Amino acid sequence: MFKTILQINYTYNIPREEFEASVSPVAHDIAKVPGLLWKVWLINEKENEAGGLYLFDDEAHARMYLEGPIVAGLREHPNVSDVRVKQFNIMEAPSQLTRGPLGE
């Protein structure tokens, strides 16, 4: 099994402070997602773009997350649009050489 990276980006349409306050409670739910090793939250205030990089222990858990209620809620959120998802497998050997945070 290969560890899997998800990259999810989207556009938000409210002030940054309000946006951060609205997503902070979801962090607790995301932290409990089966197979999730870590998530890094991203924001580009200049472009009103946000998102995250997620490391899952395998592709099956990543797929479950994409098909689950958290991502469904994101897609339906009134202050979010243009949700984009990319999925990658990890090249572990070079990532270890460059100190990639590969989790457990």
C-alpha atoms as a PDB file:
ATOM      1  CA  MET A   1       0.000   0.000   0.000  1.00  0.00           C
ATOM      2  CA  PHE A   2       1.162   3.501  -0.831  1.00  0.00           C
ATOM      3  CA  LYS A   3       0.637   6.584   1.256  1.00  0.00           C
ATOM      4  CA  THR A   4      -1.534   9.105  -0.556  1.00  0.00           C
ATOM      5  CA  ILE A   5      -1.489  12.904  -0.659  1.00  0.00           C
ATOM      6  CA  LEU A   6      -4.669  14.848  -1.332  1.00  0.00           C
ATOM      7  CA  GLN A   7      -4.519  18.466  -2.340  1.00  0.00           C
ATOM      8  CA  ILE A   8      -7.840  20.247  -1.970  1.00  0.00           C
ATOM      9  CA  ASN A   9      -8.094  23.919  -2.906  1.00  0.00           C
ATOM     10  CA  TYR A  10     -11.067  26.245  -3.146  1.00  0.00           C
ATOM     11  CA  THR A  11     -12.060  29.898  -3.279  1.00  0.00           C
ATOM     12  CA  TYR A  12     -13.665  31.599  -0.266  1.00  0.00           C
ATOM     13  CA  ASN A  13     -15.750  34.792  -0.359  1.00  0.00           C
ATOM     14  CA  ILE A  14     -15.647  36.204   3.197  1.00  0.00           C
ATOM     15  CA  PRO A  15     -12.926  38.069   5.132  1.00  0.00           C
ATOM     16  CA  ARG A  16      -9.976  35.902   6.196  1.00  0.00           C
ATOM     17  CA  GLU A  17     -10.705  36.241   9.925  1.00  0.00           C
ATOM     18  CA  GLU A  18     -14.298  35.127   9.427  1.00  0.00           C
ATOM     19  CA  PHE A  19     -13.158  32.299   7.165  1.00  0.00           C
ATOM     20  CA  GLU A  20     -10.620  31.020   9.706  1.00  0.00           C
ATOM     21  CA  ALA A  21     -13.205  31.150  12.467  1.00  0.00           C
ATOM     22  CA  SER A  22     -15.642  29.153  10.326  1.00  0.00           C
ATOM     23  CA  VAL A  23     -13.173  26.351   9.508  1.00  0.00           C
ATOM     24  CA  SER A  24     -11.476  26.030  12.886  1.00  0.00           C
ATOM     25  CA  PRO A  25     -14.234  23.844  14.418  1.00  0.00           C
ATOM     26  CA  VAL A  26     -13.955  21.418  11.481  1.00  0.00           C
ATOM     27  CA  ALA A  27     -10.292  20.812  12.339  1.00  0.00           C
ATOM     28  CA  HIS A  28     -11.367  18.627  15.269  1.00  0.00           C
ATOM     29  CA  ASP A  29     -13.495  16.452  12.979  1.00  0.00           C
ATOM     30  CA  ILE A  30     -10.749  16.214  10.368  1.00  0.00           C
ATOM     31  CA  ALA A  31      -8.230  15.184  13.021  1.00  0.00           C
ATOM     32  CA  LYS A  32     -10.400  12.121  13.746  1.00  0.00           C
ATOM     33  CA  VAL A  33     -10.632  10.938  10.108  1.00  0.00           C
ATOM     34  CA  PRO A  34      -9.508   7.299   9.791  1.00  0.00           C
ATOM     35  CA  GLY A  35      -6.181   6.925   8.015  1.00  0.00           C
ATOM     36  CA  LEU A  36      -5.289  10.628   8.113  1.00  0.00           C
ATOM     37  CA  LEU A  37      -1.672  11.081   9.231  1.00  0.00           C
ATOM     38  CA  TRP A  38      -1.662  14.884   8.951  1.00  0.00           C
ATOM     39  CA  LYS A  39      -3.175  17.916   7.269  1.00  0.00           C
ATOM     40  CA  VAL A  40      -1.506  21.237   6.531  1.00  0.00           C
ATOM     41  CA  TRP A  41      -3.968  24.109   6.136  1.00  0.00           C
ATOM     42  CA  LEU A  42      -3.231  26.559   3.300  1.00  0.00           C
ATOM     43  CA  ILE A  43      -4.384  30.104   2.614  1.00  0.00           C
ATOM     44  CA  ASN A  44      -3.595  32.704  -0.040  1.00  0.00           C
ATOM     45  CA  GLU A  45      -5.415  35.791   1.182  1.00  0.00           C
ATOM     46  CA  LYS A  46      -4.454  37.815  -1.890  1.00  0.00           C
ATOM     47  CA  GLU A  47      -6.314  35.362  -4.158  1.00  0.00           C
ATOM     48  CA  ASN A  48      -9.052  34.381  -1.646  1.00  0.00           C
ATOM     49  CA  GLU A  49      -7.897  30.794  -2.050  1.00  0.00           C
ATOM     50  CA  ALA A  50      -7.534  28.228   0.710  1.00  0.00           C
ATOM     51  CA  GLY A  51      -7.218  24.500   1.068  1.00  0.00           C
ATOM     52  CA  GLY A  52      -5.014  21.826   2.445  1.00  0.00           C
ATOM     53  CA  LEU A  53      -2.519  19.074   1.903  1.00  0.00           C
ATOM     54  CA  TYR A  54      -3.476  15.768   3.504  1.00  0.00           C
ATOM     55  CA  LEU A  55      -1.366  12.669   4.020  1.00  0.00           C
ATOM     56  CA  PHE A  56      -3.331   9.422   4.256  1.00  0.00           C
ATOM     57  CA  ASP A  57      -1.914   6.020   5.113  1.00  0.00           C
ATOM     58  CA  ASP A  58      -3.407   4.577   1.910  1.00  0.00           C
ATOM     59  CA  GLU A  59      -5.535   5.363  -1.125  1.00  0.00           C
ATOM     60  CA  ALA A  60      -8.645   3.686   0.313  1.00  0.00           C
ATOM     61  CA  HIS A  61      -8.756   6.055   3.299  1.00  0.00           C
ATOM     62  CA  ALA A  62      -8.172   9.052   1.015  1.00  0.00           C
ATOM     63  CA  ARG A  63     -11.066   7.941  -1.191  1.00  0.00           C
ATOM     64  CA  MET A  64     -13.321   7.459   1.862  1.00  0.00           C
ATOM     65  CA  TYR A  65     -12.530  11.011   2.960  1.00  0.00           C
ATOM     66  CA  LEU A  66     -13.285  12.432  -0.492  1.00  0.00           C
ATOM     67  CA  GLU A  67     -16.613  10.590  -0.567  1.00  0.00           C
ATOM     68  CA  GLY A  68     -17.488  11.439   3.052  1.00  0.00           C
ATOM     69  CA  PRO A  69     -19.460  14.123   4.842  1.00  0.00           C
ATOM     70  CA  ILE A  70     -16.638  16.612   5.453  1.00  0.00           C
ATOM     71  CA  VAL A  71     -15.814  17.097   1.768  1.00  0.00           C
ATOM     72  CA  ALA A  72     -19.536  17.031   0.894  1.00  0.00           C
ATOM     73  CA  GLY A  73     -20.057  19.841   3.419  1.00  0.00           C
ATOM     74  CA  LEU A  74     -17.187  21.801   1.919  1.00  0.00           C
ATOM     75  CA  ARG A  75     -18.666  21.504  -1.574  1.00  0.00           C
ATOM     76  CA  GLU A  76     -22.056  22.738  -0.277  1.00  0.00           C
ATOM     77  CA  HIS A  77     -20.693  25.543   1.930  1.00  0.00           C
ATOM     78  CA  PRO A  78     -22.194  28.914   0.941  1.00  0.00           C
ATOM     79  CA  ASN A  79     -18.867  30.751   1.362  1.00  0.00           C
ATOM     80  CA  VAL A  80     -16.820  28.307  -0.732  1.00  0.00           C
ATOM     81  CA  SER A  81     -16.680  27.753  -4.487  1.00  0.00           C
ATOM     82  CA  ASP A  82     -14.480  26.160  -7.138  1.00  0.00           C
ATOM     83  CA  VAL A  83     -13.434  23.129  -5.059  1.00  0.00           C
ATOM     84  CA  ARG A  84     -10.510  21.359  -6.777  1.00  0.00           C
ATOM     85  CA  VAL A  85      -9.044  18.006  -5.749  1.00  0.00           C
ATOM     86  CA  LYS A  86      -5.790  16.354  -6.807  1.00  0.00           C
ATOM     87  CA  GLN A  87      -4.544  13.006  -5.579  1.00  0.00           C
ATOM     88  CA  PHE A  88      -0.937  11.799  -5.600  1.00  0.00           C
ATOM     89  CA  ASN A  89       1.041   8.757  -4.527  1.00  0.00           C
ATOM     90  CA  ILE A  90       4.301   9.501  -2.736  1.00  0.00           C
ATOM     91  CA  MET A  91       7.795   8.766  -4.000  1.00  0.00           C
ATOM     92  CA  GLU A  92       9.090   7.719  -0.584  1.00  0.00           C
ATOM     93  CA  ALA A  93      12.846   7.345  -1.187  1.00  0.00           C
ATOM     94  CA  PRO A  94      13.501  10.880  -2.518  1.00  0.00           C
ATOM     95  CA  SER A  95      10.963  12.330  -0.066  1.00  0.00           C
ATOM     96  CA  GLN A  96      12.901  10.830   2.837  1.00  0.00           C
ATOM     97  CA  LEU A  97      16.141  12.297   1.484  1.00  0.00           C
ATOM     98  CA  THR A  98      14.579  15.752   1.411  1.00  0.00           C
ATOM     99  CA  ARG A  99      13.012  15.335   4.887  1.00  0.00           C
ATOM    100  CA  GLY A 100       9.425  15.045   3.672  1.00  0.00           C
ATOM    101  CA  PRO A 101       7.037  14.668   6.617  1.00  0.00           C
ATOM    102  CA  LEU A 102       5.782  11.207   5.723  1.00  0.00           C
ATOM    103  CA  GLY A 103       4.120  10.531   9.031  1.00  0.00           C
ATOM    104  CA  GLU A 104       4.216   7.237  10.895  1.00  0.00           C
END
